[in-house]
Structure formats: C-alpha cells, structure tokens
C-alpha atoms as a PDB file:
ATOM      1  CA  MET A   1      -6.676   9.954 -10.452  1.00  0.00           C
ATOM      2  CA  TRP A   2      -4.622   9.293  -7.321  1.00  0.00           C
ATOM      3  CA  TYR A   3      -4.553   6.121  -5.273  1.00  0.00           C
ATOM      4  CA  PHE A   4      -3.890   5.044  -1.716  1.00  0.00           C
ATOM      5  CA  TYR A   5      -2.732   1.423  -1.887  1.00  0.00           C
ATOM      6  CA  ILE A   6      -1.639  -1.497   0.240  1.00  0.00           C
ATOM      7  CA  LEU A   7       0.767  -4.152  -0.997  1.00  0.00           C
ATOM      8  CA  GLN A   8       1.423  -7.510   0.616  1.00  0.00           C
ATOM      9  CA  SER A   9       4.863  -9.057   0.493  1.00  0.00           C
ATOM     10  CA  SER A  10       5.030 -12.487  -1.105  1.00  0.00           C
ATOM     11  CA  LYS A  11       8.224 -13.153   0.858  1.00  0.00           C
ATOM     12  CA  ASP A  12       6.744 -12.235   4.270  1.00  0.00           C
ATOM     13  CA  THR A  13       2.953 -12.356   4.111  1.00  0.00           C
ATOM     14  CA  ASN A  14       2.699 -10.447   7.408  1.00  0.00           C
ATOM     15  CA  TYR A  15       4.375  -7.381   5.853  1.00  0.00           C
ATOM     16  CA  PHE A  16       2.117  -4.770   4.268  1.00  0.00           C
ATOM     17  CA  TYR A  17       3.405  -1.663   2.506  1.00  0.00           C
ATOM     18  CA  LYS A  18       1.130   1.393   2.435  1.00  0.00           C
ATOM     19  CA  GLY A  19       1.596   4.206  -0.072  1.00  0.00           C
ATOM     20  CA  SER A  20       0.060   6.561  -2.601  1.00  0.00           C
ATOM     21  CA  THR A  21       0.615   7.144  -6.313  1.00  0.00           C
ATOM     22  CA  ASN A  22      -0.976   8.410  -9.499  1.00  0.00           C
ATOM     23  CA  ASN A  23       0.147   5.350 -11.506  1.00  0.00           C
ATOM     24  CA  MET A  24      -0.480   1.971  -9.870  1.00  0.00           C
ATOM     25  CA  ASP A  25       1.144  -0.155 -12.589  1.00  0.00           C
ATOM     26  CA  ARG A  26       4.369   1.843 -12.549  1.00  0.00           C
ATOM     27  CA  ARG A  27       4.527   1.963  -8.756  1.00  0.00           C
ATOM     28  CA  LEU A  28       3.915  -1.766  -8.317  1.00  0.00           C
ATOM     29  CA  ALA A  29       6.664  -2.451 -10.876  1.00  0.00           C
ATOM     30  CA  GLN A  30       9.023  -0.151  -8.939  1.00  0.00           C
ATOM     31  CA  HIS A  31       8.371  -2.094  -5.738  1.00  0.00           C
ATOM     32  CA  ASN A  32       8.792  -5.469  -7.443  1.00  0.00           C
ATOM     33  CA  ASN A  33      11.967  -4.362  -9.245  1.00  0.00           C
ATOM     34  CA  LYS A  34      13.433  -3.226  -5.899  1.00  0.00           C
ATOM     35  CA  LYS A  35      13.536   0.452  -6.853  1.00  0.00           C
ATOM     36  CA  VAL A  36      11.885   1.499  -3.553  1.00  0.00           C
ATOM     37  CA  ILE A  37      14.527   1.330  -0.827  1.00  0.00           C
ATOM     38  CA  SER A  38      12.129   0.905   2.106  1.00  0.00           C
ATOM     39  CA  SER A  39      10.381  -2.112   0.592  1.00  0.00           C
ATOM     40  CA  THR A  40      13.346  -3.826  -1.110  1.00  0.00           C
ATOM     41  CA  PRO A  41      13.852  -6.578   1.517  1.00  0.00           C
ATOM     42  CA  TYR A  42      10.212  -7.647   1.191  1.00  0.00           C
ATOM     43  CA  ALA A  43       9.832  -7.809  -2.616  1.00  0.00           C
ATOM     44  CA  PRO A  44       8.006  -9.154  -4.540  1.00  0.00           C
ATOM     45  CA  PHE A  45       4.579  -7.716  -3.742  1.00  0.00           C
ATOM     46  CA  LYS A  46       0.987  -8.108  -4.791  1.00  0.00           C
ATOM     47  CA  LEU A  47      -1.643  -5.391  -4.688  1.00  0.00           C
ATOM     48  CA  VAL A  48      -4.243  -6.324  -2.069  1.00  0.00           C
ATOM     49  CA  TYR A  49      -6.166  -3.049  -1.585  1.00  0.00           C
ATOM     50  CA  TYR A  50      -6.598   0.413  -3.064  1.00  0.00           C
ATOM     51  CA  GLU A  51      -8.794   3.489  -2.849  1.00  0.00           C
ATOM     52  CA  ALA A  52      -9.117   6.077  -5.640  1.00  0.00           C
ATOM     53  CA  TYR A  53      -9.045   9.844  -5.011  1.00  0.00           C
ATOM     54  CA  LEU A  54      -9.437  12.875  -7.234  1.00  0.00           C
ATOM     55  CA  THR A  55      -6.487  14.760  -5.755  1.00  0.00           C
ATOM     56  CA  GLU A  56      -2.972  14.010  -4.613  1.00  0.00           C
ATOM     57  CA  ALA A  57      -3.666  15.738  -1.298  1.00  0.00           C
ATOM     58  CA  ALA A  58      -6.601  13.444  -0.568  1.00  0.00           C
ATOM     59  CA  ALA A  59      -4.639  10.265  -1.371  1.00  0.00           C
ATOM     60  CA  ARG A  60      -1.612  11.362   0.640  1.00  0.00           C
ATOM     61  CA  GLY A  61      -3.873  12.431   3.497  1.00  0.00           C
ATOM     62  CA  ARG A  62      -5.428   8.967   3.595  1.00  0.00           C
ATOM     63  CA  GLU A  63      -1.969   7.355   3.504  1.00  0.00           C
ATOM     64  CA  LYS A  64      -0.819   9.526   6.391  1.00  0.00           C
ATOM     65  CA  SER A  65      -3.904   8.820   8.493  1.00  0.00           C
ATOM     66  CA  VAL A  66      -3.638   5.046   7.979  1.00  0.00           C
ATOM     67  CA  LYS A  67       0.080   5.007   8.775  1.00  0.00           C
ATOM     68  CA  GLN A  68      -0.303   7.140  11.911  1.00  0.00           C
ATOM     69  CA  SER A  69      -3.448   5.660  13.407  1.00  0.00           C
ATOM     70  CA  GLY A  70      -3.640   2.126  14.700  1.00  0.00           C
ATOM     71  CA  SER A  71      -7.384   2.602  15.103  1.00  0.00           C
ATOM     72  CA  ILE A  72      -7.583   2.890  11.307  1.00  0.00           C
ATOM     73  CA  SER A  73      -4.845   0.539  10.102  1.00  0.00           C
ATOM     74  CA  VAL A  74      -5.522  -2.404  12.436  1.00  0.00           C
ATOM     75  CA  PRO A  75      -9.174  -2.954  11.393  1.00  0.00           C
ATOM     76  CA  LEU A  76      -8.351  -2.235   7.742  1.00  0.00           C
ATOM     77  CA  LEU A  77      -5.525  -4.788   7.660  1.00  0.00           C
ATOM     78  CA  LYS A  78      -7.689  -7.304   9.537  1.00  0.00           C
ATOM     79  CA  ARG A  79     -10.422  -6.919   6.915  1.00  0.00           C
ATOM     80  CA  ILE A  80      -7.874  -7.315   4.096  1.00  0.00           C
ATOM     81  CA  LYS A  81      -6.385 -10.458   5.662  1.00  0.00           C
ATOM     82  CA  GLU A  82      -9.857 -11.987   5.996  1.00  0.00           C
ATOM     83  CA  THR A  83     -10.422 -11.655   2.246  1.00  0.00           C
ATOM     84  CA  LEU A  84      -7.062 -13.133   1.194  1.00  0.00           C
END
C-alpha cells in the first residue's frame, strides 16, 4: 500500500508538507527526527490527511498533481483546516 499524505507543522501551523510513502510510521518519524532536509525547519509534525493507493505511481501522481495545481491544493487544504 502506498500513501499520499499531508503533515502540519506544530511549530508553524500554516505550513503543510505534502508527500508520498509506503510506510507512514517510518516517514512521519523521519520528518519529526529532522531527517528530511526540506521539512527540518518546521518539525515537529502531525499527520492531518492521507489517501491510500495500490501503486507507487498512483500515490506519486496524486502528490505531483496536488503540489502543482492550486485548484486542487487550495480547496483540499481549506477542507483540512476546517476539520482541525
């Protein structure tokens, strides 16, 4: 199983990290232990959203589309913020 996920920084609650992985526990630990260079200044994180996919290509495709398209990411992040 592969996952597209969104993490929210506990340090800056307006910062959301978007990624994909096949092991959510390990990946969240990597972010929180500052092993991911791009997210290090914003650690620690909490998982606020995820979607499960059967293939790596599908999860990475979703990650790419959310990162590249404001018409996808803006409403998605708005919906996430409303539930927090």
